[in-house]
Amino acid sequence: MEEKPDGGPERAPAPQLRRRLGRADLRAVPEARRALRELLRQWGRPGRSEIAELLTSELVTNALVHTDDDAVLTATVRPGGLRVEVRDFVAGRPAPRVPHADDGAQRTNGRGLVLVQSLADSWGVRPHGVGKAVWFELDAGAA
């Protein structure tokens, strides 16, 4: 590490992925997974890749299918783990919905968020400007 002008150690910037996702362009889903896989490889945690990719796919797909605008994917490696966030420009809050046996094929909204809720170490939704950010975190030490 280099020294900062104040004499303290200079920290390398946290590895980060940032992608603009084109409205309704579902090709962005596999592209986001590939970019995230590379970020995790750089982070030295490729074992978390499958879960991170699955959860990222859910957030990206939700943003592209349920909104009429672009979205922004940001993934940041922090000292404690990985944080992935997808911002969109629609104010409505998504909610996880546990599927029931009597659900018809048309009632699939919210099921992906059940995966996020189950597999992420933490997750949430926060207002962001005119829209919202849906995020999840995976701890660095988790297997």
N, C-alpha and C. Protein backbone atom coordinates (compact mmCIF):
# COMPACT_ATOMS: atom_id res chain seq x y z
N MET A 1 0.83 -1.18 0.00
CA MET A 1 0.00 0.00 0.00
C MET A 1 0.87 1.25 0.00
N GLU A 2 0.44 2.25 -0.72
CA GLU A 2 1.13 3.52 -0.71
C GLU A 2 0.63 4.35 0.46
N GLU A 3 1.36 5.44 0.74
CA GLU A 3 0.91 6.32 1.81
C GLU A 3 0.15 7.50 1.25
N LYS A 4 -0.89 7.91 1.99
CA LYS A 4 -1.63 9.12 1.65
C LYS A 4 -0.83 10.30 2.17
N PRO A 5 -1.15 11.52 1.70
CA PRO A 5 -0.44 12.70 2.18
C PRO A 5 -0.48 12.86 3.70
N ASP A 6 -1.52 12.35 4.37
CA ASP A 6 -1.61 12.49 5.83
C ASP A 6 -0.79 11.41 6.55
N GLY A 7 -0.07 10.56 5.81
CA GLY A 7 0.78 9.55 6.40
C GLY A 7 0.13 8.20 6.59
N GLY A 8 -1.19 8.09 6.39
CA GLY A 8 -1.88 6.82 6.53
C GLY A 8 -1.75 5.99 5.26
N PRO A 9 -2.08 4.71 5.36
CA PRO A 9 -1.97 3.85 4.17
C PRO A 9 -3.04 4.20 3.13
N GLU A 10 -2.65 4.17 1.89
CA GLU A 10 -3.56 4.40 0.77
C GLU A 10 -4.25 3.08 0.46
N ARG A 11 -5.55 3.05 0.43
CA ARG A 11 -6.29 1.82 0.13
C ARG A 11 -6.62 1.78 -1.36
N ALA A 12 -6.50 0.60 -1.93
CA ALA A 12 -6.89 0.42 -3.32
C ALA A 12 -8.41 0.57 -3.41
N PRO A 13 -8.91 1.14 -4.51
CA PRO A 13 -10.36 1.26 -4.62
C PRO A 13 -11.01 -0.12 -4.66
N ALA A 14 -12.21 -0.20 -4.09
CA ALA A 14 -12.95 -1.46 -4.09
C ALA A 14 -13.30 -1.85 -5.51
N PRO A 15 -13.13 -3.13 -5.86
CA PRO A 15 -13.55 -3.56 -7.19
C PRO A 15 -15.05 -3.29 -7.37
N GLN A 16 -15.41 -2.75 -8.53
CA GLN A 16 -16.81 -2.40 -8.75
C GLN A 16 -17.19 -2.67 -10.20
N LEU A 17 -18.44 -3.04 -10.36
CA LEU A 17 -19.05 -3.25 -11.67
C LEU A 17 -20.21 -2.28 -11.76
N ARG A 18 -20.31 -1.58 -12.87
CA ARG A 18 -21.44 -0.67 -13.08
C ARG A 18 -21.85 -0.80 -14.54
N ARG A 19 -23.14 -1.12 -14.75
CA ARG A 19 -23.67 -1.30 -16.10
C ARG A 19 -25.03 -0.65 -16.23
N ARG A 20 -25.23 0.03 -17.33
CA ARG A 20 -26.56 0.54 -17.66
C ARG A 20 -27.27 -0.59 -18.41
N LEU A 21 -28.49 -0.87 -18.03
CA LEU A 21 -29.26 -1.96 -18.62
C LEU A 21 -30.34 -1.33 -19.49
N GLY A 22 -30.32 -1.64 -20.76
CA GLY A 22 -31.29 -1.07 -21.68
C GLY A 22 -32.69 -1.60 -21.45
N ARG A 23 -33.64 -0.73 -21.56
CA ARG A 23 -35.05 -1.07 -21.33
C ARG A 23 -35.46 -2.32 -22.10
N ALA A 24 -35.98 -3.29 -21.38
CA ALA A 24 -36.54 -4.53 -21.93
C ALA A 24 -35.53 -5.35 -22.73
N ASP A 25 -34.23 -5.06 -22.60
CA ASP A 25 -33.21 -5.81 -23.32
C ASP A 25 -32.72 -6.96 -22.45
N LEU A 26 -33.36 -8.11 -22.59
CA LEU A 26 -33.04 -9.24 -21.73
C LEU A 26 -31.67 -9.86 -22.03
N ARG A 27 -31.01 -9.41 -23.09
CA ARG A 27 -29.63 -9.85 -23.32
C ARG A 27 -28.73 -9.34 -22.21
N ALA A 28 -29.18 -8.32 -21.49
CA ALA A 28 -28.40 -7.77 -20.38
C ALA A 28 -28.25 -8.77 -19.23
N VAL A 29 -29.15 -9.72 -19.13
CA VAL A 29 -29.11 -10.68 -18.01
C VAL A 29 -27.85 -11.55 -18.08
N PRO A 30 -27.60 -12.27 -19.19
CA PRO A 30 -26.36 -13.08 -19.22
C PRO A 30 -25.10 -12.21 -19.22
N GLU A 31 -25.18 -11.02 -19.80
CA GLU A 31 -24.03 -10.11 -19.78
C GLU A 31 -23.71 -9.70 -18.35
N ALA A 32 -24.73 -9.42 -17.55
CA ALA A 32 -24.53 -9.05 -16.14
C ALA A 32 -23.92 -10.21 -15.38
N ARG A 33 -24.38 -11.43 -15.65
CA ARG A 33 -23.82 -12.61 -14.96
C ARG A 33 -22.34 -12.77 -15.29
N ARG A 34 -21.97 -12.62 -16.56
CA ARG A 34 -20.57 -12.76 -16.96
C ARG A 34 -19.69 -11.70 -16.28
N ALA A 35 -20.16 -10.46 -16.28
CA ALA A 35 -19.39 -9.37 -15.67
C ALA A 35 -19.25 -9.60 -14.16
N LEU A 36 -20.31 -10.05 -13.52
CA LEU A 36 -20.26 -10.32 -12.09
C LEU A 36 -19.31 -11.48 -11.79
N ARG A 37 -19.33 -12.51 -12.61
CA ARG A 37 -18.43 -13.65 -12.44
C ARG A 37 -16.98 -13.18 -12.47
N GLU A 38 -16.65 -12.27 -13.39
CA GLU A 38 -15.30 -11.73 -13.48
C GLU A 38 -14.95 -10.91 -12.24
N LEU A 39 -15.89 -10.10 -11.76
CA LEU A 39 -15.66 -9.32 -10.55
C LEU A 39 -15.36 -10.24 -9.37
N LEU A 40 -16.13 -11.31 -9.23
CA LEU A 40 -15.92 -12.25 -8.13
C LEU A 40 -14.59 -12.99 -8.26
N ARG A 41 -14.19 -13.27 -9.49
CA ARG A 41 -12.88 -13.89 -9.70
C ARG A 41 -11.78 -12.95 -9.23
N GLN A 42 -11.90 -11.66 -9.56
CA GLN A 42 -10.91 -10.67 -9.12
C GLN A 42 -10.91 -10.55 -7.60
N TRP A 43 -12.08 -10.67 -6.99
CA TRP A 43 -12.22 -10.55 -5.55
C TRP A 43 -11.62 -11.76 -4.84
N GLY A 44 -11.47 -12.86 -5.55
CA GLY A 44 -10.95 -14.07 -4.95
C GLY A 44 -12.02 -14.91 -4.27
N ARG A 45 -13.27 -14.72 -4.65
CA ARG A 45 -14.38 -15.48 -4.08
C ARG A 45 -15.22 -16.12 -5.18
N PRO A 46 -14.60 -16.87 -6.08
CA PRO A 46 -15.38 -17.46 -7.16
C PRO A 46 -16.42 -18.46 -6.66
N GLY A 47 -16.26 -19.00 -5.46
CA GLY A 47 -17.23 -19.94 -4.90
C GLY A 47 -18.58 -19.31 -4.63
N ARG A 48 -18.65 -18.02 -4.50
CA ARG A 48 -19.93 -17.32 -4.27
C ARG A 48 -20.58 -16.96 -5.60
N SER A 49 -19.93 -17.27 -6.69
CA SER A 49 -20.40 -16.84 -8.00
C SER A 49 -21.78 -17.36 -8.36
N GLU A 50 -22.05 -18.63 -8.11
CA GLU A 50 -23.35 -19.19 -8.51
C GLU A 50 -24.51 -18.48 -7.82
N ILE A 51 -24.41 -18.27 -6.52
CA ILE A 51 -25.48 -17.59 -5.79
C ILE A 51 -25.57 -16.13 -6.25
N ALA A 52 -24.43 -15.47 -6.34
CA ALA A 52 -24.43 -14.06 -6.76
C ALA A 52 -25.02 -13.89 -8.15
N GLU A 53 -24.67 -14.78 -9.06
CA GLU A 53 -25.20 -14.70 -10.43
C GLU A 53 -26.71 -14.94 -10.45
N LEU A 54 -27.17 -15.92 -9.71
CA LEU A 54 -28.61 -16.21 -9.66
C LEU A 54 -29.38 -15.00 -9.12
N LEU A 55 -28.92 -14.45 -8.01
CA LEU A 55 -29.63 -13.33 -7.41
C LEU A 55 -29.56 -12.09 -8.29
N THR A 56 -28.41 -11.87 -8.92
CA THR A 56 -28.29 -10.73 -9.84
C THR A 56 -29.23 -10.90 -11.02
N SER A 57 -29.32 -12.12 -11.54
CA SER A 57 -30.25 -12.39 -12.65
C SER A 57 -31.67 -12.03 -12.27
N GLU A 58 -32.06 -12.37 -11.05
CA GLU A 58 -33.42 -12.06 -10.59
C GLU A 58 -33.65 -10.56 -10.54
N LEU A 59 -32.71 -9.83 -9.95
CA LEU A 59 -32.89 -8.38 -9.83
C LEU A 59 -32.89 -7.69 -11.20
N VAL A 60 -31.98 -8.10 -12.07
CA VAL A 60 -31.90 -7.49 -13.40
C VAL A 60 -33.16 -7.81 -14.20
N THR A 61 -33.59 -9.07 -14.19
CA THR A 61 -34.79 -9.46 -14.93
C THR A 61 -36.00 -8.69 -14.43
N ASN A 62 -36.15 -8.59 -13.10
CA ASN A 62 -37.28 -7.83 -12.55
C ASN A 62 -37.29 -6.40 -13.07
N ALA A 63 -36.13 -5.76 -13.03
CA ALA A 63 -36.06 -4.37 -13.47
C ALA A 63 -36.40 -4.23 -14.95
N LEU A 64 -35.95 -5.17 -15.76
CA LEU A 64 -36.17 -5.05 -17.21
C LEU A 64 -37.58 -5.46 -17.63
N VAL A 65 -38.18 -6.38 -16.91
CA VAL A 65 -39.52 -6.87 -17.27
C VAL A 65 -40.62 -5.99 -16.69
N HIS A 66 -40.40 -5.48 -15.49
CA HIS A 66 -41.48 -4.78 -14.79
C HIS A 66 -41.37 -3.26 -14.81
N THR A 67 -40.47 -2.72 -15.61
CA THR A 67 -40.37 -1.26 -15.74
C THR A 67 -40.33 -0.89 -17.21
N ASP A 68 -40.56 0.37 -17.49
CA ASP A 68 -40.56 0.85 -18.88
C ASP A 68 -39.40 1.79 -19.14
N ASP A 69 -38.29 1.58 -18.46
CA ASP A 69 -37.14 2.46 -18.62
C ASP A 69 -35.87 1.65 -18.42
N ASP A 70 -34.74 2.30 -18.61
CA ASP A 70 -33.46 1.66 -18.35
C ASP A 70 -33.32 1.41 -16.85
N ALA A 71 -32.31 0.64 -16.50
CA ALA A 71 -31.97 0.39 -15.11
C ALA A 71 -30.45 0.45 -15.00
N VAL A 72 -29.94 0.48 -13.78
CA VAL A 72 -28.50 0.52 -13.56
C VAL A 72 -28.12 -0.56 -12.56
N LEU A 73 -27.17 -1.40 -12.95
CA LEU A 73 -26.64 -2.45 -12.09
C LEU A 73 -25.32 -1.97 -11.51
N THR A 74 -25.17 -2.08 -10.20
CA THR A 74 -23.90 -1.78 -9.54
C THR A 74 -23.58 -2.94 -8.61
N ALA A 75 -22.37 -3.44 -8.71
CA ALA A 75 -21.89 -4.49 -7.80
C ALA A 75 -20.58 -3.99 -7.22
N THR A 76 -20.46 -4.02 -5.90
CA THR A 76 -19.27 -3.51 -5.24
C THR A 76 -18.76 -4.53 -4.24
N VAL A 77 -17.47 -4.79 -4.32
CA VAL A 77 -16.81 -5.63 -3.33
C VAL A 77 -16.39 -4.71 -2.20
N ARG A 78 -16.83 -5.05 -0.99
CA ARG A 78 -16.50 -4.29 0.21
C ARG A 78 -15.69 -5.18 1.13
N PRO A 79 -15.08 -4.62 2.17
CA PRO A 79 -14.32 -5.47 3.09
C PRO A 79 -15.16 -6.62 3.66
N GLY A 80 -16.45 -6.38 3.90
CA GLY A 80 -17.30 -7.42 4.49
C GLY A 80 -17.97 -8.33 3.50
N GLY A 81 -17.90 -8.03 2.20
CA GLY A 81 -18.56 -8.88 1.24
C GLY A 81 -18.91 -8.17 -0.06
N LEU A 82 -19.94 -8.66 -0.70
CA LEU A 82 -20.38 -8.17 -2.00
C LEU A 82 -21.75 -7.53 -1.84
N ARG A 83 -21.94 -6.37 -2.48
CA ARG A 83 -23.25 -5.73 -2.52
C ARG A 83 -23.60 -5.52 -3.98
N VAL A 84 -24.79 -5.99 -4.36
CA VAL A 84 -25.30 -5.82 -5.72
C VAL A 84 -26.59 -5.03 -5.61
N GLU A 85 -26.72 -4.04 -6.47
CA GLU A 85 -27.89 -3.17 -6.45
C GLU A 85 -28.36 -2.92 -7.87
N VAL A 86 -29.66 -2.95 -8.08
CA VAL A 86 -30.25 -2.60 -9.38
C VAL A 86 -31.21 -1.45 -9.13
N ARG A 87 -30.91 -0.31 -9.75
CA ARG A 87 -31.77 0.87 -9.66
C ARG A 87 -32.65 0.95 -10.89
N ASP A 88 -33.91 1.28 -10.66
CA ASP A 88 -34.80 1.54 -11.79
C ASP A 88 -35.52 2.86 -11.54
N PHE A 89 -36.41 3.21 -12.41
CA PHE A 89 -37.04 4.53 -12.35
C PHE A 89 -38.56 4.42 -12.18
N VAL A 90 -38.97 3.37 -11.47
CA VAL A 90 -40.38 3.15 -11.15
C VAL A 90 -40.50 3.08 -9.63
N ALA A 91 -41.44 3.83 -9.08
CA ALA A 91 -41.53 3.96 -7.63
C ALA A 91 -42.09 2.74 -6.92
N GLY A 92 -42.87 1.90 -7.57
CA GLY A 92 -43.52 0.78 -6.89
C GLY A 92 -42.53 -0.16 -6.25
N ARG A 93 -42.83 -0.60 -5.03
CA ARG A 93 -41.96 -1.52 -4.30
C ARG A 93 -42.29 -2.97 -4.67
N PRO A 94 -41.29 -3.74 -5.04
CA PRO A 94 -41.55 -5.17 -5.27
C PRO A 94 -41.70 -5.88 -3.94
N ALA A 95 -42.42 -6.96 -3.95
CA ALA A 95 -42.61 -7.73 -2.72
C ALA A 95 -42.49 -9.22 -3.03
N PRO A 96 -41.77 -9.96 -2.20
CA PRO A 96 -41.70 -11.40 -2.41
C PRO A 96 -43.09 -12.02 -2.26
N ARG A 97 -43.37 -13.02 -3.08
CA ARG A 97 -44.66 -13.69 -3.02
C ARG A 97 -44.42 -15.19 -3.07
N VAL A 98 -44.79 -15.86 -2.01
CA VAL A 98 -44.62 -17.30 -1.95
C VAL A 98 -45.63 -17.93 -2.89
N PRO A 99 -45.18 -18.77 -3.82
CA PRO A 99 -46.12 -19.41 -4.75
C PRO A 99 -47.01 -20.43 -4.05
N HIS A 100 -48.21 -20.55 -4.56
CA HIS A 100 -49.17 -21.53 -4.06
C HIS A 100 -49.52 -22.50 -5.19
N ALA A 101 -49.90 -23.70 -4.83
CA ALA A 101 -50.21 -24.73 -5.82
C ALA A 101 -51.33 -24.32 -6.76
N ASP A 102 -52.25 -23.48 -6.31
CA ASP A 102 -53.38 -23.09 -7.16
C ASP A 102 -53.09 -21.85 -8.01
N ASP A 103 -51.85 -21.34 -7.99
CA ASP A 103 -51.50 -20.20 -8.83
C ASP A 103 -51.52 -20.61 -10.30
N GLY A 104 -52.08 -19.78 -11.12
CA GLY A 104 -52.04 -20.01 -12.55
C GLY A 104 -50.70 -19.58 -13.13
N ALA A 105 -50.48 -19.88 -14.38
CA ALA A 105 -49.22 -19.53 -15.04
C ALA A 105 -49.01 -18.02 -15.08
N GLN A 106 -50.04 -17.23 -15.03
CA GLN A 106 -49.92 -15.79 -15.10
C GLN A 106 -49.49 -15.18 -13.77
N ARG A 107 -49.52 -15.91 -12.69
CA ARG A 107 -49.22 -15.36 -11.37
C ARG A 107 -47.82 -15.75 -10.92
N THR A 108 -46.82 -15.22 -11.59
CA THR A 108 -45.45 -15.55 -11.24
C THR A 108 -44.70 -14.37 -10.63
N ASN A 109 -45.28 -13.19 -10.62
CA ASN A 109 -44.59 -12.01 -10.09
C ASN A 109 -44.22 -12.22 -8.63
N GLY A 110 -43.00 -11.80 -8.28
CA GLY A 110 -42.55 -11.84 -6.90
C GLY A 110 -41.85 -13.11 -6.49
N ARG A 111 -41.90 -14.14 -7.29
CA ARG A 111 -41.28 -15.41 -6.90
C ARG A 111 -39.76 -15.32 -6.87
N GLY A 112 -39.16 -14.56 -7.78
CA GLY A 112 -37.70 -14.41 -7.78
C GLY A 112 -37.20 -13.74 -6.52
N LEU A 113 -38.00 -12.84 -5.98
CA LEU A 113 -37.60 -12.18 -4.74
C LEU A 113 -37.59 -13.13 -3.56
N VAL A 114 -38.36 -14.21 -3.64
CA VAL A 114 -38.31 -15.23 -2.58
C VAL A 114 -36.92 -15.87 -2.59
N LEU A 115 -36.36 -16.09 -3.78
CA LEU A 115 -34.99 -16.61 -3.87
C LEU A 115 -34.00 -15.62 -3.27
N VAL A 116 -34.16 -14.36 -3.61
CA VAL A 116 -33.26 -13.34 -3.08
C VAL A 116 -33.35 -13.33 -1.55
N GLN A 117 -34.56 -13.32 -1.04
CA GLN A 117 -34.79 -13.31 0.40
C GLN A 117 -34.17 -14.54 1.06
N SER A 118 -34.25 -15.68 0.41
CA SER A 118 -33.77 -16.94 0.99
C SER A 118 -32.25 -17.10 0.92
N LEU A 119 -31.64 -16.64 -0.16
CA LEU A 119 -30.22 -16.93 -0.39
C LEU A 119 -29.27 -15.80 -0.04
N ALA A 120 -29.73 -14.57 -0.03
CA ALA A 120 -28.86 -13.44 0.29
C ALA A 120 -28.65 -13.37 1.80
N ASP A 121 -27.50 -12.86 2.21
CA ASP A 121 -27.26 -12.64 3.64
C ASP A 121 -28.09 -11.46 4.14
N SER A 122 -28.34 -10.50 3.27
CA SER A 122 -29.28 -9.42 3.54
C SER A 122 -29.75 -8.86 2.21
N TRP A 123 -30.91 -8.22 2.22
CA TRP A 123 -31.45 -7.63 1.00
C TRP A 123 -32.46 -6.57 1.39
N GLY A 124 -32.84 -5.76 0.42
CA GLY A 124 -33.84 -4.75 0.72
C GLY A 124 -34.19 -3.92 -0.51
N VAL A 125 -35.07 -2.97 -0.27
CA VAL A 125 -35.51 -2.03 -1.29
C VAL A 125 -35.46 -0.65 -0.64
N ARG A 126 -34.90 0.31 -1.36
CA ARG A 126 -34.89 1.67 -0.84
C ARG A 126 -35.29 2.64 -1.94
N PRO A 127 -35.97 3.72 -1.57
CA PRO A 127 -36.31 4.73 -2.57
C PRO A 127 -35.03 5.34 -3.13
N HIS A 128 -35.08 5.67 -4.40
CA HIS A 128 -33.92 6.30 -5.04
C HIS A 128 -34.43 7.27 -6.09
N GLY A 129 -34.45 8.54 -5.79
CA GLY A 129 -34.99 9.52 -6.73
C GLY A 129 -36.44 9.21 -7.04
N VAL A 130 -36.76 9.15 -8.34
CA VAL A 130 -38.13 8.84 -8.74
C VAL A 130 -38.39 7.34 -8.72
N GLY A 131 -37.35 6.56 -8.53
CA GLY A 131 -37.50 5.11 -8.57
C GLY A 131 -37.08 4.46 -7.26
N LYS A 132 -36.44 3.30 -7.41
CA LYS A 132 -36.02 2.53 -6.25
C LYS A 132 -34.74 1.78 -6.57
N ALA A 133 -34.10 1.30 -5.53
CA ALA A 133 -32.95 0.42 -5.68
C ALA A 133 -33.26 -0.86 -4.91
N VAL A 134 -33.15 -1.98 -5.58
CA VAL A 134 -33.31 -3.28 -4.94
C VAL A 134 -31.90 -3.85 -4.82
N TRP A 135 -31.53 -4.31 -3.64
CA TRP A 135 -30.15 -4.72 -3.40
C TRP A 135 -30.10 -6.03 -2.61
N PHE A 136 -28.92 -6.66 -2.69
CA PHE A 136 -28.64 -7.79 -1.80
C PHE A 136 -27.16 -7.76 -1.46
N GLU A 137 -26.83 -8.41 -0.36
CA GLU A 137 -25.44 -8.55 0.06
C GLU A 137 -25.12 -10.00 0.36
N LEU A 138 -23.90 -10.38 0.04
CA LEU A 138 -23.36 -11.69 0.39
C LEU A 138 -22.13 -11.42 1.24
N ASP A 139 -22.05 -12.04 2.41
CA ASP A 139 -20.91 -11.84 3.29
C ASP A 139 -19.67 -12.51 2.73
N ALA A 140 -18.52 -11.89 2.96
CA ALA A 140 -17.26 -12.42 2.46
C ALA A 140 -16.91 -13.76 3.08
N GLY A 141 -17.22 -13.94 4.34
CA GLY A 141 -16.81 -15.15 5.04
C GLY A 141 -17.73 -16.34 4.84
N ALA A 142 -18.91 -16.12 4.28
CA ALA A 142 -19.87 -17.22 4.11
C ALA A 142 -19.38 -18.19 3.05
N ALA A 143 -19.71 -19.44 3.22
CA ALA A 143 -19.29 -20.47 2.25
C ALA A 143 -20.14 -20.40 1.01
